[in-house]
């Protein structure tokens, strides 16, 4: 009897091991099967991205995350959630078109697709001790290309960003000095930087293109809807924060 119980315990432990779970996902997950049938995966290997099992997929020229979602039956059943989650995990926007026209274009043609949408990605710390004494606090992670909005130390919102190329966004603490609804760059040909939050000198958090990697001259770009939420509903002068790697 003891031998049987011990054997059952060992089997249970094996069933919960990461390798067995990954193999089980690969064999039975409908998203995986559909991606395999359409030959969309780069390798078929399951990778953990921010705590979520994902596979890497190649997007074609002219394709966006949104059009990709509608081409996969299991994702098409929950298109809004799927496109938002895929965009968040990849730090980009679901409407950006691979090698497309104008300012809705991106050259990022490889994305990670979650196989389990019930798992929330863990991108930034859920609690930040140094932000606990502040009603609001902004954390910008330059390496990960994400911005976190904290309230009394608790993470409330996570947004993809695009910081400066070649480390032109300095790592430092900052305070929101002032806010400007319609702002233009005084350095780079009056480039539009609307819904801008000044975080010191010529550095701003403002709306702009977020292609999934650093692409600015040094400012922190966020998507227009995120910038407007920050400007009209969340931010105010005096809010502290820091930029880290």
Protein backbone atom coordinates (compact mmCIF):
# COMPACT_ATOMS: atom_id res chain seq x y z
CA UNK A 1 0.00 0.00 0.00
CA UNK A 2 2.84 2.38 0.91
CA UNK A 3 4.52 1.60 -2.41
CA UNK A 4 1.36 2.52 -4.32
CA UNK A 5 0.97 5.79 -2.42
CA UNK A 6 4.61 6.68 -3.02
CA UNK A 7 4.26 5.90 -6.72
CA UNK A 8 1.13 8.09 -6.92
CA UNK A 9 3.00 10.97 -5.27
CA UNK A 10 5.89 10.66 -7.72
CA UNK A 11 3.49 10.63 -10.69
CA UNK A 12 1.70 13.72 -9.34
CA UNK A 13 5.02 15.53 -8.96
CA UNK A 14 6.03 14.67 -12.51
CA UNK A 15 2.74 15.90 -13.88
CA UNK A 16 3.40 19.29 -12.33
CA UNK A 17 6.97 19.64 -13.54
CA UNK A 18 7.57 22.50 -16.03
CA UNK A 19 8.74 20.21 -18.86
CA UNK A 20 5.67 18.00 -18.64
CA UNK A 21 3.38 21.03 -18.48
CA UNK A 22 5.05 22.52 -21.55
CA UNK A 23 4.76 19.24 -23.44
CA UNK A 24 1.09 18.98 -22.47
CA UNK A 25 0.46 22.53 -23.72
CA UNK A 26 2.19 21.75 -27.01
CA UNK A 27 0.14 18.62 -27.65
CA UNK A 28 -3.29 19.79 -26.54
CA UNK A 29 -3.48 23.58 -26.76
CA UNK A 30 -5.83 24.66 -29.61
CA UNK A 31 -3.89 27.86 -30.27
CA UNK A 32 -0.69 25.84 -30.67
CA UNK A 33 -2.41 23.40 -33.01
CA UNK A 34 -3.84 26.14 -35.21
CA UNK A 35 -0.51 27.98 -35.40
CA UNK A 36 1.19 24.71 -36.34
CA UNK A 37 -1.40 23.95 -39.02
CA UNK A 38 -0.87 27.38 -40.58
CA UNK A 39 2.93 27.09 -40.19
CA UNK A 40 3.07 30.42 -38.37
CA UNK A 41 5.59 29.55 -35.63
CA UNK A 42 9.30 30.22 -36.04
CA UNK A 43 10.45 27.18 -34.06
CA UNK A 44 7.46 25.73 -32.21
CA UNK A 45 9.37 25.97 -28.94
CA UNK A 46 7.37 27.12 -25.94
CA UNK A 47 8.99 29.99 -24.03
CA UNK A 48 7.98 31.68 -20.81
CA UNK A 49 7.51 35.41 -21.42
CA UNK A 50 6.70 37.42 -18.29
CA UNK A 51 5.44 34.22 -16.72
CA UNK A 52 3.18 33.29 -19.65
CA UNK A 53 3.79 30.27 -21.94
CA UNK A 54 4.22 31.65 -25.46
CA UNK A 55 5.42 30.70 -28.92
CA UNK A 56 7.16 32.99 -31.37
CA UNK A 57 5.30 33.80 -34.58
CA UNK A 58 6.43 35.54 -37.77
CA UNK A 59 4.18 38.29 -39.11
CA UNK A 60 4.10 38.93 -42.84
CA UNK A 61 4.58 42.31 -44.52
CA UNK A 62 1.31 44.24 -44.41
CA UNK A 63 0.09 42.28 -41.39
CA UNK A 64 -0.69 43.65 -37.92
CA UNK A 65 -1.38 41.92 -34.62
CA UNK A 66 -5.05 42.67 -35.21
CA UNK A 67 -5.19 40.99 -38.63
CA UNK A 68 -3.13 38.10 -37.27
CA UNK A 69 -5.62 37.56 -34.42
CA UNK A 70 -8.50 37.35 -36.88
CA UNK A 71 -6.63 34.71 -38.90
CA UNK A 72 -6.40 32.25 -35.97
CA UNK A 73 -9.80 30.68 -35.06
CA UNK A 74 -9.16 30.34 -31.31
CA UNK A 75 -7.95 33.95 -31.06
CA UNK A 76 -10.77 35.24 -33.26
CA UNK A 77 -13.25 34.08 -30.60
CA UNK A 78 -11.83 36.68 -28.17
CA UNK A 79 -10.30 39.28 -30.49
CA UNK A 80 -10.18 42.31 -28.19
CA UNK A 81 -8.55 40.48 -25.31
CA UNK A 82 -6.19 38.60 -27.63
CA UNK A 83 -4.94 41.64 -29.51
CA UNK A 84 -4.52 43.71 -26.33
CA UNK A 85 -2.63 40.96 -24.50
CA UNK A 86 -0.38 40.13 -27.46
CA UNK A 87 0.40 43.83 -27.95
CA UNK A 88 1.20 44.28 -24.25
CA UNK A 89 3.53 41.28 -24.06
CA UNK A 90 5.37 42.48 -27.17
CA UNK A 91 5.49 46.12 -26.12
CA UNK A 92 3.76 47.42 -29.22
CA UNK A 93 0.33 48.25 -30.64
CA UNK A 94 -2.04 45.86 -32.35
CA UNK A 95 -2.69 48.26 -35.25
CA UNK A 96 0.94 48.75 -36.32
CA UNK A 97 1.53 47.22 -39.75
CA UNK A 98 4.70 45.31 -40.55
CA UNK A 99 6.61 47.44 -43.08
CA UNK A 100 3.43 49.42 -43.66
CA UNK A 101 2.81 53.03 -44.64
CA UNK A 102 3.57 56.20 -42.67
CA UNK A 103 3.45 56.39 -38.90
CA UNK A 104 1.52 53.14 -38.41
CA UNK A 105 4.45 51.08 -39.65
CA UNK A 106 6.83 48.83 -37.72
CA UNK A 107 9.65 46.57 -38.81
CA UNK A 108 9.14 44.27 -35.81
CA UNK A 109 7.92 41.12 -37.55
CA UNK A 110 8.39 38.52 -34.80
CA UNK A 111 5.99 38.43 -31.86
CA UNK A 112 5.26 36.16 -28.92
CA UNK A 113 1.74 34.73 -28.76
CA UNK A 114 0.38 33.53 -25.40
CA UNK A 115 -1.00 30.00 -25.22
CA UNK A 116 -2.91 30.70 -21.99
CA UNK A 117 -4.80 33.99 -21.68
CA UNK A 118 -5.87 33.25 -18.11
CA UNK A 119 -2.32 34.01 -16.91
CA UNK A 120 -1.63 37.70 -16.34
CA UNK A 121 1.86 38.70 -17.52
CA UNK A 122 4.20 39.80 -14.71
CA UNK A 123 6.13 42.58 -16.40
CA UNK A 124 6.89 45.09 -13.63
CA UNK A 125 6.90 44.59 -9.83
CA UNK A 126 3.40 44.43 -8.39
CA UNK A 127 4.63 46.33 -5.34
CA UNK A 128 7.37 48.96 -5.22
CA UNK A 129 8.48 49.76 -1.68
CA UNK A 130 10.00 53.15 -2.50
CA UNK A 131 6.69 54.21 -4.06
CA UNK A 132 4.64 53.15 -1.03
CA UNK A 133 4.81 56.58 0.60
CA UNK A 134 3.59 58.34 -2.54
CA UNK A 135 0.00 58.62 -3.68
CA UNK A 136 1.28 58.23 -7.26
CA UNK A 137 4.62 57.18 -8.69
CA UNK A 138 5.97 56.48 -12.20
CA UNK A 139 8.47 53.69 -12.87
CA UNK A 140 10.11 53.56 -16.31
CA UNK A 141 12.12 50.47 -17.19
CA UNK A 142 14.39 51.35 -20.09
CA UNK A 143 15.64 47.80 -20.68
CA UNK A 144 12.19 46.25 -20.73
CA UNK A 145 10.56 49.25 -22.47
CA UNK A 146 7.61 49.56 -20.10
CA UNK A 147 6.17 52.22 -17.84
CA UNK A 148 4.34 51.45 -14.60
CA UNK A 149 1.90 53.70 -12.78
CA UNK A 150 1.86 53.05 -9.03
CA UNK A 151 -0.55 54.20 -6.33
CA UNK A 152 0.73 53.90 -2.76
CA UNK A 153 3.28 51.38 -4.02
CA UNK A 154 0.82 49.14 -5.87
CA UNK A 155 1.06 48.72 -9.64
CA UNK A 156 -2.15 49.92 -11.30
CA UNK A 157 -1.26 50.27 -14.99
CA UNK A 158 1.49 48.95 -17.27
CA UNK A 159 2.12 50.60 -20.64
CA UNK A 160 4.64 49.86 -23.42
CA UNK A 161 7.01 52.71 -24.21
CA UNK A 162 9.68 53.69 -26.69
CA UNK A 163 12.65 55.40 -25.06
CA UNK A 164 15.73 56.91 -26.65
CA UNK A 165 18.10 55.06 -28.93
CA UNK A 166 21.73 54.49 -27.86
CA UNK A 167 20.80 55.04 -24.19
CA UNK A 168 19.91 58.68 -24.86
CA UNK A 169 17.27 58.46 -22.13
CA UNK A 170 19.21 58.97 -18.87
CA UNK A 171 18.76 56.69 -15.86
CA UNK A 172 17.70 58.92 -12.98
CA UNK A 173 15.02 59.99 -10.56
CA UNK A 174 12.60 62.67 -11.71
CA UNK A 175 9.52 64.71 -10.86
CA UNK A 176 6.77 65.79 -13.23
CA UNK A 177 7.50 69.53 -13.46
CA UNK A 178 4.68 70.63 -15.75
CA UNK A 179 2.22 69.34 -18.34
CA UNK A 180 1.51 70.66 -21.84
CA UNK A 181 -1.51 69.52 -23.86
CA UNK A 182 -0.18 70.65 -27.24
CA UNK A 183 3.60 70.59 -27.19
CA UNK A 184 6.20 70.81 -29.95
CA UNK A 185 9.86 69.98 -29.71
CA UNK A 186 12.16 72.97 -29.46
CA UNK A 187 15.10 70.81 -30.59
CA UNK A 188 13.86 68.52 -33.37
CA UNK A 189 12.06 70.57 -36.05
CA UNK A 190 8.99 71.36 -33.95
CA UNK A 191 8.05 67.66 -33.85
CA UNK A 192 4.64 67.15 -32.19
CA UNK A 193 4.80 65.88 -28.59
CA UNK A 194 1.20 66.27 -27.48
CA UNK A 195 -0.11 65.44 -24.01
CA UNK A 196 3.39 65.92 -22.65
CA UNK A 197 4.65 65.54 -19.09
CA UNK A 198 7.97 67.25 -18.49
CA UNK A 199 10.28 65.12 -16.32
CA UNK A 200 13.27 67.45 -16.32
CA UNK A 201 15.24 69.51 -18.84
CA UNK A 202 14.11 68.63 -22.40
CA UNK A 203 12.79 65.19 -21.46
CA UNK A 204 9.08 64.43 -21.67
CA UNK A 205 6.65 61.56 -21.49
CA UNK A 206 4.39 62.17 -24.49
CA UNK A 207 2.27 60.46 -27.10
CA UNK A 208 4.01 59.03 -30.14
CA UNK A 209 4.94 55.94 -32.11
CA UNK A 210 5.80 52.87 -30.03
CA UNK A 211 7.22 50.25 -32.43
CA UNK A 212 8.31 47.76 -29.76
CA UNK A 213 11.87 48.99 -29.24
CA UNK A 214 13.79 52.24 -28.42
CA UNK A 215 13.22 54.74 -31.23
CA UNK A 216 13.03 58.26 -29.75
CA UNK A 217 15.64 60.98 -29.38
CA UNK A 218 15.49 60.60 -25.60
CA UNK A 219 11.90 61.22 -24.56
CA UNK A 220 9.51 58.52 -23.40
CA UNK A 221 6.86 57.84 -26.01
CA UNK A 222 3.57 56.16 -25.10
CA UNK A 223 0.57 55.35 -27.24
CA UNK A 224 -1.93 58.21 -27.71
CA UNK A 225 -4.68 56.66 -25.57
CA UNK A 226 -2.21 55.99 -22.76
CA UNK A 227 -0.79 59.52 -23.02
CA UNK A 228 -4.27 61.01 -22.82
CA UNK A 229 -5.18 58.88 -19.82
CA UNK A 230 -2.02 60.07 -18.12
CA UNK A 231 -2.64 63.70 -19.04
CA UNK A 232 -6.37 64.02 -18.36
CA UNK A 233 -7.02 61.48 -15.62
CA UNK A 234 -3.95 60.31 -13.73
CA UNK A 235 -0.93 62.59 -13.73
CA UNK A 236 -0.29 65.96 -12.11
CA UNK A 237 2.78 68.11 -11.45
CA UNK A 238 4.84 66.93 -8.52
CA UNK A 239 4.48 63.19 -9.09
CA UNK A 240 7.88 61.50 -8.55
CA UNK A 241 9.39 58.63 -10.46
CA UNK A 242 12.58 57.08 -11.76
CA UNK A 243 14.07 55.57 -14.92
CA UNK A 244 15.89 52.28 -14.43
CA UNK A 245 17.52 49.57 -16.52
